[in-house]
Protein backbone atom coordinates (compact mmCIF):
# COMPACT_ATOMS: atom_id res chain seq x y z
CA UNK A 1 19.43 21.71 -8.18
CA UNK A 2 19.10 24.90 -10.20
CA UNK A 3 19.41 28.69 -9.97
CA UNK A 4 21.46 30.41 -7.30
CA UNK A 5 21.42 27.29 -5.14
CA UNK A 6 23.34 25.43 -7.84
CA UNK A 7 25.79 28.28 -8.50
CA UNK A 8 26.55 28.60 -4.79
CA UNK A 9 26.90 24.83 -4.35
CA UNK A 10 29.54 24.69 -7.08
CA UNK A 11 31.39 27.66 -5.62
CA UNK A 12 31.42 26.28 -2.07
CA UNK A 13 32.46 22.81 -3.25
CA UNK A 14 35.46 24.13 -5.17
CA UNK A 15 36.43 26.33 -2.23
CA UNK A 16 36.22 23.29 0.06
CA UNK A 17 38.67 21.39 -2.14
CA UNK A 18 36.55 19.49 -4.65
CA UNK A 19 37.96 19.42 -8.17
CA UNK A 20 35.57 17.21 -10.13
CA UNK A 21 32.16 18.57 -11.05
CA UNK A 22 29.57 16.21 -12.55
CA UNK A 23 26.43 17.34 -14.34
CA UNK A 24 24.30 16.33 -17.34
CA UNK A 25 22.17 17.80 -20.10
CA UNK A 26 19.20 16.08 -18.46
CA UNK A 27 19.56 18.12 -15.26
CA UNK A 28 18.93 21.44 -17.01
CA UNK A 29 21.53 23.27 -14.93
CA UNK A 30 24.51 23.60 -17.26
CA UNK A 31 24.44 27.40 -17.18
CA UNK A 32 24.48 27.50 -13.39
CA UNK A 33 27.29 24.94 -13.23
CA UNK A 34 29.37 26.92 -15.72
CA UNK A 35 28.75 30.18 -13.88
CA UNK A 36 29.65 28.59 -10.55
CA UNK A 37 32.91 27.21 -11.92
CA UNK A 38 33.96 30.54 -13.45
CA UNK A 39 33.22 32.45 -10.27
CA UNK A 40 35.03 29.86 -8.12
CA UNK A 41 38.10 29.92 -10.37
CA UNK A 42 38.29 33.69 -10.01
CA UNK A 43 37.66 33.66 -6.25
CA UNK A 44 40.23 30.93 -5.52
CA UNK A 45 43.00 31.80 -7.97
CA UNK A 46 42.47 28.65 -10.02
CA UNK A 47 42.43 27.97 -13.76
CA UNK A 48 40.14 25.85 -15.92
CA UNK A 49 42.78 23.13 -15.97
CA UNK A 50 42.35 22.72 -12.20
CA UNK A 51 38.78 21.45 -12.65
CA UNK A 52 37.64 18.13 -14.11
CA UNK A 53 34.20 18.78 -15.63
CA UNK A 54 31.97 15.89 -16.69
CA UNK A 55 28.62 16.01 -18.43
CA UNK A 56 26.30 13.38 -19.91
CA UNK A 57 24.22 13.19 -23.11
CA UNK A 58 22.14 10.62 -25.07
CA UNK A 59 19.63 9.96 -22.30
CA UNK A 60 16.56 9.09 -24.40
CA UNK A 61 16.30 6.30 -27.00
CA UNK A 62 15.85 7.21 -30.69
CA UNK A 63 12.13 6.40 -30.69
CA UNK A 64 11.34 8.47 -27.58
CA UNK A 65 8.51 10.99 -27.81
CA UNK A 66 6.66 13.58 -25.78
CA UNK A 67 5.00 10.70 -23.94
CA UNK A 68 8.37 9.48 -22.61
CA UNK A 69 9.07 10.09 -18.93
CA UNK A 70 11.13 13.33 -18.50
CA UNK A 71 11.39 13.73 -22.30
CA UNK A 72 13.64 16.41 -23.78
CA UNK A 73 14.10 16.46 -27.56
CA UNK A 74 17.63 17.89 -27.17
CA UNK A 75 18.89 14.73 -25.46
CA UNK A 76 18.02 11.84 -27.79
CA UNK A 77 20.33 9.10 -29.06
CA UNK A 78 21.07 9.74 -32.71
CA UNK A 79 21.53 13.48 -32.07
CA UNK A 80 24.64 13.20 -29.90
CA UNK A 81 26.64 15.81 -31.80
CA UNK A 82 23.92 18.43 -31.38
CA UNK A 83 23.46 17.49 -27.71
CA UNK A 84 27.18 17.90 -27.07
CA UNK A 85 27.24 21.28 -28.80
CA UNK A 86 24.21 22.39 -26.77
CA UNK A 87 25.90 21.26 -23.56
CA UNK A 88 29.07 23.22 -24.32
CA UNK A 89 27.09 26.32 -25.23
CA UNK A 90 25.09 26.15 -22.00
CA UNK A 91 28.18 25.50 -19.89
CA UNK A 92 30.04 28.33 -21.57
CA UNK A 93 33.16 26.26 -22.23
CA UNK A 94 34.75 25.06 -25.46
CA UNK A 95 35.28 21.57 -24.06
CA UNK A 96 34.49 19.33 -21.11
CA UNK A 97 37.00 17.00 -19.58
CA UNK A 98 34.63 14.11 -20.16
CA UNK A 99 31.31 13.33 -21.84
CA UNK A 100 29.39 10.19 -20.90
CA UNK A 101 26.57 8.27 -22.58
CA UNK A 102 23.94 8.75 -19.89
CA UNK A 103 22.37 5.28 -20.09
CA UNK A 104 22.41 2.28 -22.44
CA UNK A 105 18.71 2.15 -23.33
CA UNK A 106 18.08 1.91 -27.07
CA UNK A 107 14.30 1.65 -27.50
CA UNK A 108 11.26 3.11 -25.79
CA UNK A 109 10.38 -0.34 -24.46
CA UNK A 110 13.83 -0.78 -22.93
CA UNK A 111 13.78 2.73 -21.46
CA UNK A 112 10.34 2.17 -19.92
CA UNK A 113 11.24 -1.14 -18.31
CA UNK A 114 14.80 -0.23 -17.26
CA UNK A 115 13.61 2.89 -15.42
CA UNK A 116 11.05 1.02 -13.27
CA UNK A 117 13.15 1.00 -10.04
CA UNK A 118 12.93 4.82 -9.92
CA UNK A 119 9.25 4.63 -9.06
CA UNK A 120 9.58 2.76 -5.79
CA UNK A 121 11.94 3.90 -3.01
CA UNK A 122 13.31 7.01 -4.78
CA UNK A 123 9.90 8.44 -5.59
CA UNK A 124 8.66 7.58 -2.10
CA UNK A 125 11.67 9.29 -0.49
CA UNK A 126 11.03 12.46 -2.49
CA UNK A 127 7.30 12.45 -1.79
CA UNK A 128 6.49 12.07 -5.48
CA UNK A 129 2.82 11.24 -5.96
CA UNK A 130 3.82 8.79 -8.70
CA UNK A 131 5.49 6.45 -6.20
CA UNK A 132 4.21 2.88 -6.41
CA UNK A 133 1.98 2.06 -3.47
CA UNK A 134 1.30 -0.03 -1.52
CA UNK A 135 4.70 -1.67 -1.13
CA UNK A 136 3.12 -4.89 0.15
CA UNK A 137 -0.06 -6.60 -1.07
CA UNK A 138 -2.70 -7.80 1.43
CA UNK A 139 -1.43 -11.37 0.90
CA UNK A 140 2.06 -10.35 2.01
CA UNK A 141 3.70 -10.30 -1.41
CA UNK A 142 6.11 -7.44 -2.08
CA UNK A 143 4.95 -5.34 -5.03
CA UNK A 144 8.39 -4.34 -6.32
CA UNK A 145 9.70 -7.82 -7.29
CA UNK A 146 6.35 -8.66 -8.88
CA UNK A 147 6.42 -5.53 -11.05
CA UNK A 148 10.09 -5.78 -11.98
CA UNK A 149 9.82 -9.50 -12.70
CA UNK A 150 6.86 -8.82 -14.97
CA UNK A 151 8.84 -6.10 -16.73
CA UNK A 152 11.65 -8.57 -17.43
CA UNK A 153 9.26 -11.08 -18.96
CA UNK A 154 7.43 -8.52 -21.10
CA UNK A 155 10.59 -6.83 -22.36
CA UNK A 156 12.12 -10.18 -23.30
CA UNK A 157 9.29 -10.63 -25.80
CA UNK A 158 9.83 -7.32 -27.61
CA UNK A 159 13.57 -6.71 -27.50
CA UNK A 160 15.51 -6.67 -30.78
CA UNK A 161 19.22 -7.27 -30.12
CA UNK A 162 20.40 -6.18 -33.59
CA UNK A 163 18.55 -2.86 -33.35
CA UNK A 164 19.88 -2.26 -29.84
CA UNK A 165 23.45 -3.03 -30.81
CA UNK A 166 23.26 -0.72 -33.83
CA UNK A 167 22.06 2.14 -31.62
CA UNK A 168 24.81 1.59 -29.06
CA UNK A 169 27.45 1.44 -31.81
CA UNK A 170 26.19 4.65 -33.48
CA UNK A 171 26.08 6.50 -30.17
CA UNK A 172 29.61 5.47 -29.29
CA UNK A 173 30.92 6.47 -32.72
CA UNK A 174 29.46 9.94 -32.10
CA UNK A 175 31.26 10.10 -28.74
CA UNK A 176 34.54 9.07 -30.35
CA UNK A 177 34.06 11.82 -32.94
CA UNK A 178 33.52 14.39 -30.19
CA UNK A 179 36.77 13.37 -28.53
CA UNK A 180 38.69 13.52 -31.80
CA UNK A 181 37.23 16.97 -32.49
CA UNK A 182 38.49 18.28 -29.16
CA UNK A 183 35.08 18.70 -27.53
CA UNK A 184 36.18 16.55 -24.59
CA UNK A 185 39.35 14.94 -23.29
CA UNK A 186 37.78 11.62 -22.34
CA UNK A 187 34.61 9.69 -23.14
CA UNK A 188 32.76 7.13 -21.11
CA UNK A 189 29.44 5.47 -20.37
CA UNK A 190 26.97 5.40 -17.53
CA UNK A 191 24.76 2.63 -16.17
CA UNK A 192 26.38 0.03 -18.45
CA UNK A 193 26.45 -3.59 -17.28
CA UNK A 194 29.41 -5.95 -17.34
CA UNK A 195 28.09 -7.58 -20.52
CA UNK A 196 27.63 -4.27 -22.33
CA UNK A 197 31.15 -3.17 -21.39
CA UNK A 198 32.61 -6.41 -22.71
CA UNK A 199 30.54 -6.03 -25.88
CA UNK A 200 32.23 -2.68 -26.54
CA UNK A 201 35.49 -4.50 -27.27
CA UNK A 202 33.86 -5.59 -30.53
CA UNK A 203 33.10 -2.10 -31.87
CA UNK A 204 34.88 0.62 -29.89
CA UNK A 205 37.99 2.20 -31.38
CA UNK A 206 38.40 4.07 -28.10
CA UNK A 207 37.30 2.13 -25.03
CA UNK A 208 35.43 4.12 -22.37
CA UNK A 209 37.59 5.70 -19.69
CA UNK A 210 34.75 5.52 -17.18
CA UNK A 211 31.51 3.76 -16.37
CA UNK A 212 29.39 5.80 -13.96
CA UNK A 213 26.93 3.63 -12.07
CA UNK A 214 24.71 3.42 -9.03
CA UNK A 215 26.87 2.16 -6.18
CA UNK A 216 26.08 1.36 -2.56
CA UNK A 217 26.24 -1.76 -0.35
CA UNK A 218 22.83 -2.99 -1.48
CA UNK A 219 23.86 -2.70 -5.15
CA UNK A 220 27.59 -3.32 -5.28
CA UNK A 221 27.88 -5.26 -8.59
CA UNK A 222 31.04 -7.24 -7.73
CA UNK A 223 31.22 -8.95 -11.16
CA UNK A 224 31.01 -5.60 -12.92
CA UNK A 225 33.75 -4.21 -10.66
CA UNK A 226 36.00 -7.14 -11.57
CA UNK A 227 35.31 -6.84 -15.31
CA UNK A 228 35.85 -3.07 -15.32
CA UNK A 229 39.24 -3.45 -13.66
CA UNK A 230 40.23 -6.07 -16.22
CA UNK A 231 39.16 -3.75 -19.05
CA UNK A 232 40.87 -0.71 -17.53
CA UNK A 233 37.56 1.13 -17.09
CA UNK A 234 37.29 3.37 -14.02
CA UNK A 235 34.05 3.06 -12.04
CA UNK A 236 32.40 6.19 -10.62
CA UNK A 237 29.60 5.58 -8.13
CA UNK A 238 26.49 7.71 -7.61
CA UNK A 239 23.45 7.31 -5.37
CA UNK A 240 25.38 6.55 -2.18
CA UNK A 241 23.78 9.31 -0.13
CA UNK A 242 20.23 8.50 -1.20
CA UNK A 243 20.78 4.85 -0.34
CA UNK A 244 21.55 5.92 3.24
CA UNK A 245 18.36 7.97 3.43
CA UNK A 246 16.26 5.14 2.03
CA UNK A 247 17.67 2.24 4.03
CA UNK A 248 18.49 3.80 7.42
CA UNK A 249 20.58 0.68 7.96
CA UNK A 250 21.33 -0.21 11.61
CA UNK A 251 24.40 -2.11 10.38
CA UNK A 252 25.80 1.01 8.75
CA UNK A 253 24.90 3.11 11.75
CA UNK A 254 26.76 0.69 14.03
CA UNK A 255 29.86 0.87 11.82
CA UNK A 256 29.64 4.67 11.83
CA UNK A 257 29.49 4.74 15.63
CA UNK A 258 32.35 2.25 15.89
CA UNK A 259 34.59 4.39 13.66
CA UNK A 260 33.47 7.74 15.06
CA UNK A 261 32.27 8.87 11.63
CA UNK A 262 29.00 9.63 9.87
CA UNK A 263 27.28 6.95 7.75
CA UNK A 264 28.14 8.99 4.64
CA UNK A 265 31.82 9.04 5.54
CA UNK A 266 31.85 5.30 6.16
CA UNK A 267 30.32 4.49 2.76
CA UNK A 268 32.56 6.94 0.92
CA UNK A 269 35.59 5.42 2.63
CA UNK A 270 34.33 1.92 1.74
CA UNK A 271 34.15 2.98 -1.90
CA UNK A 272 37.63 4.51 -1.81
CA UNK A 273 39.16 1.35 -0.40
CA UNK A 274 37.41 -0.64 -3.14
CA UNK A 275 38.87 1.67 -5.78
CA UNK A 276 35.51 3.21 -6.76
CA UNK A 277 35.50 6.96 -7.41
CA UNK A 278 32.74 8.64 -5.41
CA UNK A 279 30.64 11.64 -6.37
CA UNK A 280 28.82 12.70 -3.20
CA UNK A 281 26.35 15.45 -3.86
CA UNK A 282 25.22 18.24 -1.58
CA UNK A 283 24.34 21.91 -1.65
CA UNK A 284 25.31 22.26 2.02
CA UNK A 285 28.84 23.48 2.78
CA UNK A 286 28.75 21.55 6.05
CA UNK A 287 27.95 18.28 4.27
CA UNK A 288 30.47 19.00 1.51
CA UNK A 289 33.20 19.33 4.13
CA UNK A 290 31.98 16.17 5.86
CA UNK A 291 32.04 14.19 2.60
CA UNK A 292 35.59 15.22 1.78
CA UNK A 293 36.93 14.29 5.22
CA UNK A 294 37.51 10.60 4.54
CA UNK A 295 41.28 10.50 4.07
CA UNK A 296 42.37 10.31 7.71
CA UNK A 297 40.92 6.91 8.65
CA UNK A 298 40.57 3.40 7.26
CA UNK A 299 37.93 0.72 7.61
CA UNK A 300 39.10 -2.65 8.90
CA UNK A 301 38.90 -5.76 6.75
CA UNK A 302 35.94 -6.92 8.85
CA UNK A 303 34.15 -3.60 8.32
CA UNK A 304 34.76 -3.79 4.58
CA UNK A 305 33.44 -7.33 4.44
CA UNK A 306 30.37 -6.43 6.51
CA UNK A 307 29.40 -3.73 4.00
CA UNK A 308 30.16 -5.86 0.95
CA UNK A 309 28.01 -8.69 2.27
CA UNK A 310 25.00 -6.37 2.23
CA UNK A 311 24.79 -6.64 -1.58
CA UNK A 312 21.31 -7.73 -2.71
CA UNK A 313 21.46 -6.63 -6.37
CA UNK A 314 18.81 -4.07 -5.48
CA UNK A 315 19.02 -0.90 -7.64
CA UNK A 316 17.05 2.25 -6.92
CA UNK A 317 17.62 3.85 -10.33
CA UNK A 318 18.15 1.58 -13.37
CA UNK A 319 17.43 -2.12 -13.79
CA UNK A 320 20.48 -3.72 -15.47
CA UNK A 321 18.63 -6.93 -16.36
CA UNK A 322 16.53 -5.15 -18.98
CA UNK A 323 19.50 -3.79 -20.92
CA UNK A 324 21.27 -7.14 -20.59
CA UNK A 325 18.33 -8.76 -22.35
CA UNK A 326 19.14 -6.73 -25.46
CA UNK A 327 22.56 -8.36 -25.43
CA UNK A 328 22.04 -12.03 -24.65
CA UNK A 329 18.75 -12.49 -26.49
CA UNK A 330 20.49 -12.86 -29.83
CA UNK A 331 21.93 -16.08 -28.39
CA UNK A 332 18.74 -17.18 -26.65
CA UNK A 333 16.55 -16.46 -29.67
CA UNK A 334 18.88 -18.43 -31.87
CA UNK A 335 18.70 -21.34 -29.47
CA UNK A 336 14.89 -21.19 -29.32
CA UNK A 337 14.62 -20.98 -33.10
CA UNK A 338 16.93 -23.97 -33.36
CA UNK A 339 14.71 -25.91 -30.98
CA UNK A 340 11.74 -25.26 -33.27
CA UNK A 341 13.69 -26.63 -36.19
CA UNK A 342 14.37 -29.80 -34.21
CA UNK A 343 10.63 -30.41 -34.04
CA UNK A 344 10.58 -30.13 -37.82
CA UNK A 345 12.93 -33.07 -38.06
CA UNK A 346 16.31 -31.41 -38.57
CA UNK A 347 18.77 -33.99 -37.33
CA UNK A 348 21.86 -31.78 -37.62
CA UNK A 349 20.78 -29.35 -34.89
CA UNK A 350 23.61 -29.99 -32.45
CA UNK A 351 26.36 -29.57 -35.01
CA UNK A 352 24.79 -26.45 -36.53
CA UNK A 353 24.11 -24.78 -33.21
CA UNK A 354 27.59 -25.37 -31.88
CA UNK A 355 29.15 -24.14 -35.12
CA UNK A 356 27.06 -20.98 -34.84
CA UNK A 357 28.13 -20.43 -31.24
CA UNK A 358 31.76 -20.85 -32.20
CA UNK A 359 31.38 -18.11 -34.81
CA UNK A 360 29.82 -15.62 -32.43
CA UNK A 361 32.00 -13.24 -30.46
CA UNK A 362 30.50 -13.53 -27.02
CA UNK A 363 31.98 -13.30 -23.50
CA UNK A 364 32.60 -16.24 -21.21
CA UNK A 365 29.44 -15.44 -19.26
CA UNK A 366 27.32 -16.31 -22.29
CA UNK A 367 29.15 -19.60 -22.86
CA UNK A 368 27.43 -20.93 -19.76
CA UNK A 369 24.34 -21.65 -21.82
CA UNK A 370 26.18 -23.70 -24.45
CA UNK A 371 24.58 -27.08 -24.87
CA UNK A 372 21.49 -26.04 -22.96
CA UNK A 373 18.79 -23.97 -24.59
CA UNK A 374 16.15 -24.01 -21.89
CA UNK A 375 17.06 -20.62 -20.39
CA UNK A 376 14.27 -18.08 -20.13
CA UNK A 377 14.95 -14.73 -21.83
CA UNK A 378 13.74 -13.12 -18.62
CA UNK A 379 16.59 -14.68 -16.68
CA UNK A 380 19.70 -12.58 -16.06
CA UNK A 381 22.80 -13.88 -17.80
CA UNK A 382 25.09 -13.20 -14.87
CA UNK A 383 24.83 -13.33 -11.14
CA UNK A 384 25.14 -9.55 -11.18
CA UNK A 385 25.14 -8.01 -13.11
CA UNK A 386 42.31 14.62 -13.82
CA UNK A 387 43.63 14.79 -12.60
CA UNK A 388 43.21 11.65 -14.74
CA UNK A 389 40.07 9.60 -14.31
CA UNK A 390 40.96 6.67 -12.13
CA UNK A 391 42.11 8.47 -9.01
CA UNK A 392 39.69 6.99 -6.50
CA UNK A 393 40.99 9.35 -3.86
CA UNK A 394 40.00 12.50 -5.74
CA UNK A 395 37.22 14.34 -3.89
CA UNK A 396 34.30 15.06 -6.16
CA UNK A 397 30.85 16.56 -6.13
CA UNK A 398 27.86 15.96 -8.36
CA UNK A 399 25.68 18.89 -9.20
CA UNK A 400 22.40 17.44 -10.36
CA UNK A 401 20.66 16.42 -7.39
CA UNK A 402 17.93 14.84 -9.40
CA UNK A 403 17.17 11.54 -11.07
CA UNK A 404 19.86 9.72 -13.01
């Protein structure tokens, strides 16, 4: 969303009662968002402190180039400080309330493979000629799992965990510097997995306030939700509305009819009761008012369970398995290398391997592979993968209306 449409969407959202505006350097609409906020503040007798403004930087990996999908040289990891300054200049503010790392990808390979889900249902919904087709092969096999499974296997062969960790650490240090320099009040991440959040305990001086992620019944990430709560990281969900358009779920429609609400209202209420902050996005005043009207009803326990049981670990935006491979492979590669040494006649393998594991700072999820080194690198390590941030009842609106 850009131009006058974006300015007017921000103005109408703030007038309707929304107080959190979410955008990103990637969306190329910072100026319109800033203009819309300033006009809305004037029109509604509000001040800058009444609005919680979030933006995102560091979208592309350090080795990205003009051949990278959606490439913009102003938004590359390693240049976070310049990207943040550019964002503030475009927005016309001296600070944002929060800056996020837009995604965890650290190499061109990881970026290419992690972004694969975009090219199926999302591209098809938008009529993009790049959408993968057909969805089903003549022999009945679904194309999507074949492509994504192949991506997992290929990326596992080229990932370099040390390089990836160094990039994530450097990016986060730049975010911490921005916070200390007063360029934002909070810092957070986006599209991070449970494992990558836990990993941050090893290097972050300031833990992320927020992890913004794709969230809908088909991709509900229950293990990530549990870990985030334990770490004190607020989850903000995007993509809810598009999931409704893609799936056209009869189960959701039945729940909407039962509760006398729209499917959007049911899912936004489901998220609120789970403690997930929602950022519904719309340029329509009618839909903005609909999305904010979720505070006068509750879903029953049965309704909540029905929606939660729809989880299939099926993302439409980013594939978490790919980024997780950059984390767990340092363990898997060590195990595989150790197995090679066994064939060379090293009798002290077991003792050496277990000593090495005991020295490594790794989460409980990784400990599952102790004593067994037959796991494939392509396998996922887990079964899943202000107002102050954290108020799940705060109505919000996202102003991008484009790809994450």
